[in-house]
Amino acid sequence: FFADWCGPCKVLAPILKEVKSELGDSIKIIT
């Protein structure tokens, strides 16, 4: 759960991309 105006959300987004690339199909990530 995020918001466009949220600074920490902008920090988290690329971290979640890395998580998805590491774990692949073993996780679904939705924002």
PDB file of all heavy atoms in Angstrom:
ATOM      1  N   PHE A   1       0.870  -1.174   0.000  1.00  0.00           N
ATOM      2  CA  PHE A   1       0.000   0.000   0.000  1.00  0.00           C
ATOM      3  C   PHE A   1       0.907   1.224   0.000  1.00  0.00           C
ATOM      4  O   PHE A   1       1.755   1.366   0.888  1.00  0.00           O
ATOM      5  CB  PHE A   1      -0.895   0.012   1.243  1.00  0.00           C
ATOM      6  CG  PHE A   1      -2.026  -0.972   1.179  1.00  0.00           C
ATOM      7  CD1 PHE A   1      -1.895  -2.229   1.736  1.00  0.00           C
ATOM      8  CD2 PHE A   1      -3.232  -0.634   0.568  1.00  0.00           C
ATOM      9  CE1 PHE A   1      -2.944  -3.147   1.693  1.00  0.00           C
ATOM     10  CE2 PHE A   1      -4.289  -1.540   0.519  1.00  0.00           C
ATOM     11  CZ  PHE A   1      -4.138  -2.798   1.081  1.00  0.00           C
ATOM     12  N   PHE A   2       0.747   2.089  -1.001  1.00  0.00           N
ATOM     13  CA  PHE A   2       1.643   3.235  -1.155  1.00  0.00           C
ATOM     14  C   PHE A   2       0.841   4.477  -1.547  1.00  0.00           C
ATOM     15  O   PHE A   2      -0.360   4.409  -1.793  1.00  0.00           O
ATOM     16  CB  PHE A   2       2.699   2.944  -2.229  1.00  0.00           C
ATOM     17  CG  PHE A   2       2.158   3.082  -3.639  1.00  0.00           C
ATOM     18  CD1 PHE A   2       2.415   4.227  -4.370  1.00  0.00           C
ATOM     19  CD2 PHE A   2       1.372   2.093  -4.216  1.00  0.00           C
ATOM     20  CE1 PHE A   2       1.892   4.377  -5.654  1.00  0.00           C
ATOM     21  CE2 PHE A   2       0.865   2.227  -5.488  1.00  0.00           C
ATOM     22  CZ  PHE A   2       1.119   3.384  -6.217  1.00  0.00           C
ATOM     23  N   ALA A   3       1.544   5.609  -1.616  1.00  0.00           N
ATOM     24  CA  ALA A   3       0.959   6.851  -2.137  1.00  0.00           C
ATOM     25  C   ALA A   3       2.035   7.569  -2.948  1.00  0.00           C
ATOM     26  O   ALA A   3       3.225   7.485  -2.623  1.00  0.00           O
ATOM     27  CB  ALA A   3       0.473   7.739  -0.998  1.00  0.00           C
ATOM     28  N   ASP A   4       1.603   8.260  -4.003  1.00  0.00           N
ATOM     29  CA  ASP A   4       2.553   8.974  -4.873  1.00  0.00           C
ATOM     30  C   ASP A   4       3.352  10.040  -4.126  1.00  0.00           C
ATOM     31  O   ASP A   4       4.494  10.309  -4.454  1.00  0.00           O
ATOM     32  CB  ASP A   4       1.816   9.640  -6.048  1.00  0.00           C
ATOM     33  CG  ASP A   4       1.376   8.618  -7.083  1.00  0.00           C
ATOM     34  OD1 ASP A   4       2.008   7.543  -7.179  1.00  0.00           O
ATOM     35  OD2 ASP A   4       0.389   8.898  -7.797  1.00  0.00           O
ATOM     36  N   TRP A   5       2.739  10.646  -3.111  1.00  0.00           N
ATOM     37  CA  TRP A   5       3.374  11.744  -2.386  1.00  0.00           C
ATOM     38  C   TRP A   5       4.300  11.262  -1.262  1.00  0.00           C
ATOM     39  O   TRP A   5       4.913  12.059  -0.572  1.00  0.00           O
ATOM     40  CB  TRP A   5       2.297  12.664  -1.800  1.00  0.00           C
ATOM     41  CG  TRP A   5       1.184  11.916  -1.129  1.00  0.00           C
ATOM     42  CD1 TRP A   5      -0.026  11.605  -1.673  1.00  0.00           C
ATOM     43  CD2 TRP A   5       1.189  11.347   0.192  1.00  0.00           C
ATOM     44  NE1 TRP A   5      -0.782  10.880  -0.770  1.00  0.00           N
ATOM     45  CE2 TRP A   5      -0.064  10.701   0.375  1.00  0.00           C
ATOM     46  CE3 TRP A   5       2.117  11.303   1.236  1.00  0.00           C
ATOM     47  CZ2 TRP A   5      -0.410  10.037   1.550  1.00  0.00           C
ATOM     48  CZ3 TRP A   5       1.767  10.642   2.400  1.00  0.00           C
ATOM     49  CH2 TRP A   5       0.523  10.022   2.553  1.00  0.00           C
ATOM     50  N   CYS A   6       4.419   9.956  -1.095  1.00  0.00           N
ATOM     51  CA  CYS A   6       5.142   9.379   0.046  1.00  0.00           C
ATOM     52  C   CYS A   6       6.610   9.112  -0.297  1.00  0.00           C
ATOM     53  O   CYS A   6       6.911   8.299  -1.165  1.00  0.00           O
ATOM     54  CB  CYS A   6       4.405   8.085   0.440  1.00  0.00           C
ATOM     55  SG  CYS A   6       5.359   6.928   1.424  1.00  0.00           S
ATOM     56  N   GLY A   7       7.510   9.806   0.410  1.00  0.00           N
ATOM     57  CA  GLY A   7       8.949   9.624   0.188  1.00  0.00           C
ATOM     58  C   GLY A   7       9.435   8.204   0.444  1.00  0.00           C
ATOM     59  O   GLY A   7      10.099   7.608  -0.402  1.00  0.00           O
ATOM     60  N   PRO A   8       9.130   7.620   1.622  1.00  0.00           N
ATOM     61  CA  PRO A   8       9.572   6.247   1.886  1.00  0.00           C
ATOM     62  C   PRO A   8       9.031   5.233   0.864  1.00  0.00           C
ATOM     63  O   PRO A   8       9.693   4.239   0.568  1.00  0.00           O
ATOM     64  CB  PRO A   8       9.022   5.962   3.293  1.00  0.00           C
ATOM     65  CG  PRO A   8       8.929   7.310   3.934  1.00  0.00           C
ATOM     66  CD  PRO A   8       8.543   8.250   2.823  1.00  0.00           C
ATOM     67  N   CYS A   9       7.843   5.507   0.299  1.00  0.00           N
ATOM     68  CA  CYS A   9       7.290   4.603  -0.724  1.00  0.00           C
ATOM     69  C   CYS A   9       8.195   4.576  -1.953  1.00  0.00           C
ATOM     70  O   CYS A   9       8.370   3.539  -2.589  1.00  0.00           O
ATOM     71  CB  CYS A   9       5.885   5.041  -1.140  1.00  0.00           C
ATOM     72  SG  CYS A   9       4.688   5.028   0.212  1.00  0.00           S
ATOM     73  N   LYS A  10       8.762   5.747  -2.281  1.00  0.00           N
ATOM     74  CA  LYS A  10       9.662   5.839  -3.436  1.00  0.00           C
ATOM     75  C   LYS A  10      10.968   5.073  -3.170  1.00  0.00           C
ATOM     76  O   LYS A  10      11.597   4.576  -4.090  1.00  0.00           O
ATOM     77  CB  LYS A  10       9.951   7.306  -3.764  1.00  0.00           C
ATOM     78  CG  LYS A  10       8.737   8.035  -4.344  1.00  0.00           C
ATOM     79  CD  LYS A  10       9.064   9.499  -4.592  1.00  0.00           C
ATOM     80  CE  LYS A  10       7.970  10.223  -5.332  1.00  0.00           C
ATOM     81  NZ  LYS A  10       6.758  10.467  -4.578  1.00  0.00           N
ATOM     82  N   VAL A  11      11.362   4.997  -1.909  1.00  0.00           N
ATOM     83  CA  VAL A  11      12.554   4.224  -1.524  1.00  0.00           C
ATOM     84  C   VAL A  11      12.250   2.729  -1.611  1.00  0.00           C
ATOM     85  O   VAL A  11      13.085   1.937  -2.055  1.00  0.00           O
ATOM     86  CB  VAL A  11      12.993   4.603  -0.084  1.00  0.00           C
ATOM     87  CG1 VAL A  11      14.099   3.676   0.410  1.00  0.00           C
ATOM     88  CG2 VAL A  11      13.434   6.057  -0.031  1.00  0.00           C
ATOM     89  N   LEU A  12      11.032   2.343  -1.219  1.00  0.00           N
ATOM     90  CA  LEU A  12      10.663   0.930  -1.178  1.00  0.00           C
ATOM     91  C   LEU A  12      10.479   0.316  -2.573  1.00  0.00           C
ATOM     92  O   LEU A  12      10.810  -0.845  -2.785  1.00  0.00           O
ATOM     93  CB  LEU A  12       9.378   0.754  -0.357  1.00  0.00           C
ATOM     94  CG  LEU A  12       8.911  -0.679  -0.144  1.00  0.00           C
ATOM     95  CD1 LEU A  12       9.962  -1.497   0.609  1.00  0.00           C
ATOM     96  CD2 LEU A  12       7.580  -0.702   0.611  1.00  0.00           C
ATOM     97  N   ALA A  13       9.976   1.103  -3.524  1.00  0.00           N
ATOM     98  CA  ALA A  13       9.653   0.573  -4.857  1.00  0.00           C
ATOM     99  C   ALA A  13      10.820  -0.185  -5.521  1.00  0.00           C
ATOM    100  O   ALA A  13      10.645  -1.339  -5.949  1.00  0.00           O
ATOM    101  CB  ALA A  13       9.126   1.683  -5.761  1.00  0.00           C
ATOM    102  N   PRO A  14      12.020   0.401  -5.602  1.00  0.00           N
ATOM    103  CA  PRO A  14      13.125  -0.351  -6.232  1.00  0.00           C
ATOM    104  C   PRO A  14      13.560  -1.566  -5.406  1.00  0.00           C
ATOM    105  O   PRO A  14      14.028  -2.568  -5.958  1.00  0.00           O
ATOM    106  CB  PRO A  14      14.255   0.674  -6.371  1.00  0.00           C
ATOM    107  CG  PRO A  14      13.897   1.802  -5.469  1.00  0.00           C
ATOM    108  CD  PRO A  14      12.411   1.779  -5.283  1.00  0.00           C
ATOM    109  N   ILE A  15      13.394  -1.509  -4.087  1.00  0.00           N
ATOM    110  CA  ILE A  15      13.721  -2.663  -3.232  1.00  0.00           C
ATOM    111  C   ILE A  15      12.791  -3.820  -3.592  1.00  0.00           C
ATOM    112  O   ILE A  15      13.231  -4.969  -3.733  1.00  0.00           O
ATOM    113  CB  ILE A  15      13.602  -2.292  -1.734  1.00  0.00           C
ATOM    114  CG1 ILE A  15      14.670  -1.257  -1.354  1.00  0.00           C
ATOM    115  CG2 ILE A  15      13.721  -3.542  -0.856  1.00  0.00           C
ATOM    116  CD1 ILE A  15      14.513  -0.657   0.035  1.00  0.00           C
ATOM    117  N   LEU A  16      11.497  -3.520  -3.773  1.00  0.00           N
ATOM    118  CA  LEU A  16      10.544  -4.578  -4.128  1.00  0.00           C
ATOM    119  C   LEU A  16      10.841  -5.158  -5.510  1.00  0.00           C
ATOM    120  O   LEU A  16      10.648  -6.351  -5.735  1.00  0.00           O
ATOM    121  CB  LEU A  16       9.106  -4.053  -4.052  1.00  0.00           C
ATOM    122  CG  LEU A  16       8.610  -3.744  -2.636  1.00  0.00           C
ATOM    123  CD1 LEU A  16       7.193  -3.207  -2.676  1.00  0.00           C
ATOM    124  CD2 LEU A  16       8.704  -4.956  -1.726  1.00  0.00           C
ATOM    125  N   LYS A  17      11.340  -4.316  -6.435  1.00  0.00           N
ATOM    126  CA  LYS A  17      11.734  -4.825  -7.759  1.00  0.00           C
ATOM    127  C   LYS A  17      12.877  -5.835  -7.612  1.00  0.00           C
ATOM    128  O   LYS A  17      12.898  -6.869  -8.275  1.00  0.00           O
ATOM    129  CB  LYS A  17      12.165  -3.675  -8.674  1.00  0.00           C
ATOM    130  CG  LYS A  17      10.991  -2.948  -9.284  1.00  0.00           C
ATOM    131  CD  LYS A  17      11.436  -2.035 -10.409  1.00  0.00           C
ATOM    132  CE  LYS A  17      10.233  -1.410 -11.069  1.00  0.00           C
ATOM    133  NZ  LYS A  17      10.015  -0.027 -10.758  1.00  0.00           N
ATOM    134  N   GLU A  18      13.831  -5.528  -6.740  1.00  0.00           N
ATOM    135  CA  GLU A  18      14.950  -6.447  -6.497  1.00  0.00           C
ATOM    136  C   GLU A  18      14.456  -7.751  -5.872  1.00  0.00           C
ATOM    137  O   GLU A  18      14.921  -8.836  -6.224  1.00  0.00           O
ATOM    138  CB  GLU A  18      15.988  -5.806  -5.574  1.00  0.00           C
ATOM    139  CG  GLU A  18      16.776  -4.677  -6.198  1.00  0.00           C
ATOM    140  CD  GLU A  18      17.711  -4.026  -5.190  1.00  0.00           C
ATOM    141  OE1 GLU A  18      18.166  -4.716  -4.249  1.00  0.00           O
ATOM    142  OE2 GLU A  18      17.984  -2.819  -5.343  1.00  0.00           O
ATOM    143  N   VAL A  19      13.520  -7.643  -4.928  1.00  0.00           N
ATOM    144  CA  VAL A  19      12.941  -8.821  -4.278  1.00  0.00           C
ATOM    145  C   VAL A  19      12.291  -9.711  -5.333  1.00  0.00           C
ATOM    146  O   VAL A  19      12.507 -10.922  -5.374  1.00  0.00           O
ATOM    147  CB  VAL A  19      11.915  -8.413  -3.193  1.00  0.00           C
ATOM    148  CG1 VAL A  19      11.103  -9.605  -2.724  1.00  0.00           C
ATOM    149  CG2 VAL A  19      12.619  -7.739  -2.016  1.00  0.00           C
ATOM    150  N   LYS A  20      11.500  -9.101  -6.223  1.00  0.00           N
ATOM    151  CA  LYS A  20      10.803  -9.847  -7.270  1.00  0.00           C
ATOM    152  C   LYS A  20      11.807 -10.522  -8.209  1.00  0.00           C
ATOM    153  O   LYS A  20      11.642 -11.687  -8.572  1.00  0.00           O
ATOM    154  CB  LYS A  20       9.859  -8.916  -8.050  1.00  0.00           C
ATOM    155  CG  LYS A  20       9.139  -9.574  -9.203  1.00  0.00           C
ATOM    156  CD  LYS A  20       8.176 -10.648  -8.729  1.00  0.00           C
ATOM    157  CE  LYS A  20       7.447 -11.273  -9.906  1.00  0.00           C
ATOM    158  NZ  LYS A  20       6.879 -12.576  -9.562  1.00  0.00           N
ATOM    159  N   SER A  21      12.875  -9.813  -8.570  1.00  0.00           N
ATOM    160  CA  SER A  21      13.848 -10.417  -9.489  1.00  0.00           C
ATOM    161  C   SER A  21      14.597 -11.563  -8.821  1.00  0.00           C
ATOM    162  O   SER A  21      14.949 -12.544  -9.468  1.00  0.00           O
ATOM    163  CB  SER A  21      14.811  -9.373 -10.063  1.00  0.00           C
ATOM    164  OG  SER A  21      15.661  -8.876  -9.072  1.00  0.00           O
ATOM    165  N   GLU A  22      14.798 -11.486  -7.505  1.00  0.00           N
ATOM    166  CA  GLU A  22      15.468 -12.575  -6.793  1.00  0.00           C
ATOM    167  C   GLU A  22      14.548 -13.788  -6.611  1.00  0.00           C
ATOM    168  O   GLU A  22      14.975 -14.923  -6.778  1.00  0.00           O
ATOM    169  CB  GLU A  22      15.963 -12.094  -5.421  1.00  0.00           C
ATOM    170  CG  GLU A  22      16.675 -13.198  -4.659  1.00  0.00           C
ATOM    171  CD  GLU A  22      17.410 -12.713  -3.420  1.00  0.00           C
ATOM    172  OE1 GLU A  22      17.956 -11.587  -3.441  1.00  0.00           O
ATOM    173  OE2 GLU A  22      17.438 -13.458  -2.439  1.00  0.00           O
ATOM    174  N   LEU A  23      13.292 -13.545  -6.276  1.00  0.00           N
ATOM    175  CA  LEU A  23      12.382 -14.645  -5.947  1.00  0.00           C
ATOM    176  C   LEU A  23      11.541 -15.132  -7.125  1.00  0.00           C
ATOM    177  O   LEU A  23      10.964 -16.217  -7.059  1.00  0.00           O
ATOM    178  CB  LEU A  23      11.464 -14.238  -4.789  1.00  0.00           C
ATOM    179  CG  LEU A  23      12.168 -13.970  -3.471  1.00  0.00           C
ATOM    180  CD1 LEU A  23      11.180 -13.516  -2.419  1.00  0.00           C
ATOM    181  CD2 LEU A  23      12.931 -15.199  -2.989  1.00  0.00           C
ATOM    182  N   GLY A  24      11.453 -14.332  -8.181  1.00  0.00           N
ATOM    183  CA  GLY A  24      10.734 -14.755  -9.386  1.00  0.00           C
ATOM    184  C   GLY A  24       9.290 -15.129  -9.122  1.00  0.00           C
ATOM    185  O   GLY A  24       8.554 -14.411  -8.440  1.00  0.00           O
ATOM    186  N   ASP A  25       8.878 -16.312  -9.628  1.00  0.00           N
ATOM    187  CA  ASP A  25       7.478 -16.725  -9.556  1.00  0.00           C
ATOM    188  C   ASP A  25       7.063 -17.257  -8.192  1.00  0.00           C
ATOM    189  O   ASP A  25       5.908 -17.632  -8.014  1.00  0.00           O
ATOM    190  CB  ASP A  25       7.201 -17.800 -10.625  1.00  0.00           C
ATOM    191  CG  ASP A  25       7.288 -17.217 -12.027  1.00  0.00           C
ATOM    192  OD1 ASP A  25       7.114 -15.992 -12.165  1.00  0.00           O
ATOM    193  OD2 ASP A  25       7.532 -17.978 -12.971  1.00  0.00           O
ATOM    194  N   SER A  26       7.980 -17.295  -7.223  1.00  0.00           N
ATOM    195  CA  SER A  26       7.596 -17.792  -5.899  1.00  0.00           C
ATOM    196  C   SER A  26       6.860 -16.716  -5.083  1.00  0.00           C
ATOM    197  O   SER A  26       6.407 -16.969  -3.982  1.00  0.00           O
ATOM    198  CB  SER A  26       8.821 -18.294  -5.133  1.00  0.00           C
ATOM    199  OG  SER A  26       9.697 -17.224  -4.840  1.00  0.00           O
ATOM    200  N   ILE A  27       6.740 -15.508  -5.658  1.00  0.00           N
ATOM    201  CA  ILE A  27       6.019 -14.414  -4.995  1.00  0.00           C
ATOM    202  C   ILE A  27       5.316 -13.573  -6.054  1.00  0.00           C
ATOM    203  O   ILE A  27       5.816 -13.443  -7.159  1.00  0.00           O
ATOM    204  CB  ILE A  27       6.984 -13.512  -4.167  1.00  0.00           C
ATOM    205  CG1 ILE A  27       6.241 -12.386  -3.433  1.00  0.00           C
ATOM    206  CG2 ILE A  27       8.060 -12.892  -5.034  1.00  0.00           C
ATOM    207  CD1 ILE A  27       5.482 -12.787  -2.228  1.00  0.00           C
ATOM    208  N   LYS A  28       4.151 -13.059  -5.680  1.00  0.00           N
ATOM    209  CA  LYS A  28       3.500 -12.039  -6.495  1.00  0.00           C
ATOM    210  C   LYS A  28       3.537 -10.761  -5.674  1.00  0.00           C
ATOM    211  O   LYS A  28       3.281 -10.789  -4.470  1.00  0.00           O
ATOM    212  CB  LYS A  28       2.045 -12.411  -6.793  1.00  0.00           C
ATOM    213  CG  LYS A  28       1.900 -13.526  -7.778  1.00  0.00           C
ATOM    214  CD  LYS A  28       0.431 -13.754  -8.108  1.00  0.00           C
ATOM    215  CE  LYS A  28       0.325 -14.926  -9.052  1.00  0.00           C
ATOM    216  NZ  LYS A  28      -0.828 -15.774  -8.759  1.00  0.00           N
ATOM    217  N   ILE A  29       3.885  -9.666  -6.317  1.00  0.00           N
ATOM    218  CA  ILE A  29       3.917  -8.371  -5.628  1.00  0.00           C
ATOM    219  C   ILE A  29       2.934  -7.451  -6.337  1.00  0.00           C
ATOM    220  O   ILE A  29       3.019  -7.277  -7.554  1.00  0.00           O
ATOM    221  CB  ILE A  29       5.332  -7.756  -5.634  1.00  0.00           C
ATOM    222  CG1 ILE A  29       6.307  -8.678  -4.890  1.00  0.00           C
ATOM    223  CG2 ILE A  29       5.308  -6.361  -5.016  1.00  0.00           C
ATOM    224  CD1 ILE A  29       7.749  -8.221  -4.898  1.00  0.00           C
ATOM    225  N   ILE A  30       1.993  -6.911  -5.577  1.00  0.00           N
ATOM    226  CA  ILE A  30       1.075  -5.937  -6.159  1.00  0.00           C
ATOM    227  C   ILE A  30       1.132  -4.655  -5.344  1.00  0.00           C
ATOM    228  O   ILE A  30       1.338  -4.688  -4.129  1.00  0.00           O
ATOM    229  CB  ILE A  30      -0.373  -6.470  -6.268  1.00  0.00           C
ATOM    230  CG1 ILE A  30      -0.930  -6.904  -4.931  1.00  0.00           C
ATOM    231  CG2 ILE A  30      -0.465  -7.597  -7.262  1.00  0.00           C
ATOM    232  CD1 ILE A  30      -2.383  -7.291  -4.990  1.00  0.00           C
ATOM    233  N   THR A  31       1.006  -3.542  -6.041  1.00  0.00           N
ATOM    234  CA  THR A  31       1.030  -2.249  -5.373  1.00  0.00           C
ATOM    235  C   THR A  31      -0.363  -1.630  -5.465  1.00  0.00           C
ATOM    236  O   THR A  31      -1.031  -1.733  -6.488  1.00  0.00           O
ATOM    237  CB  THR A  31       2.069  -1.304  -6.012  1.00  0.00           C
ATOM    238  OG1 THR A  31       1.802  -1.196  -7.404  1.00  0.00           O
ATOM    239  CG2 THR A  31       3.479  -1.829  -5.809  1.00  0.00           C
TER     240      THR A  31
END
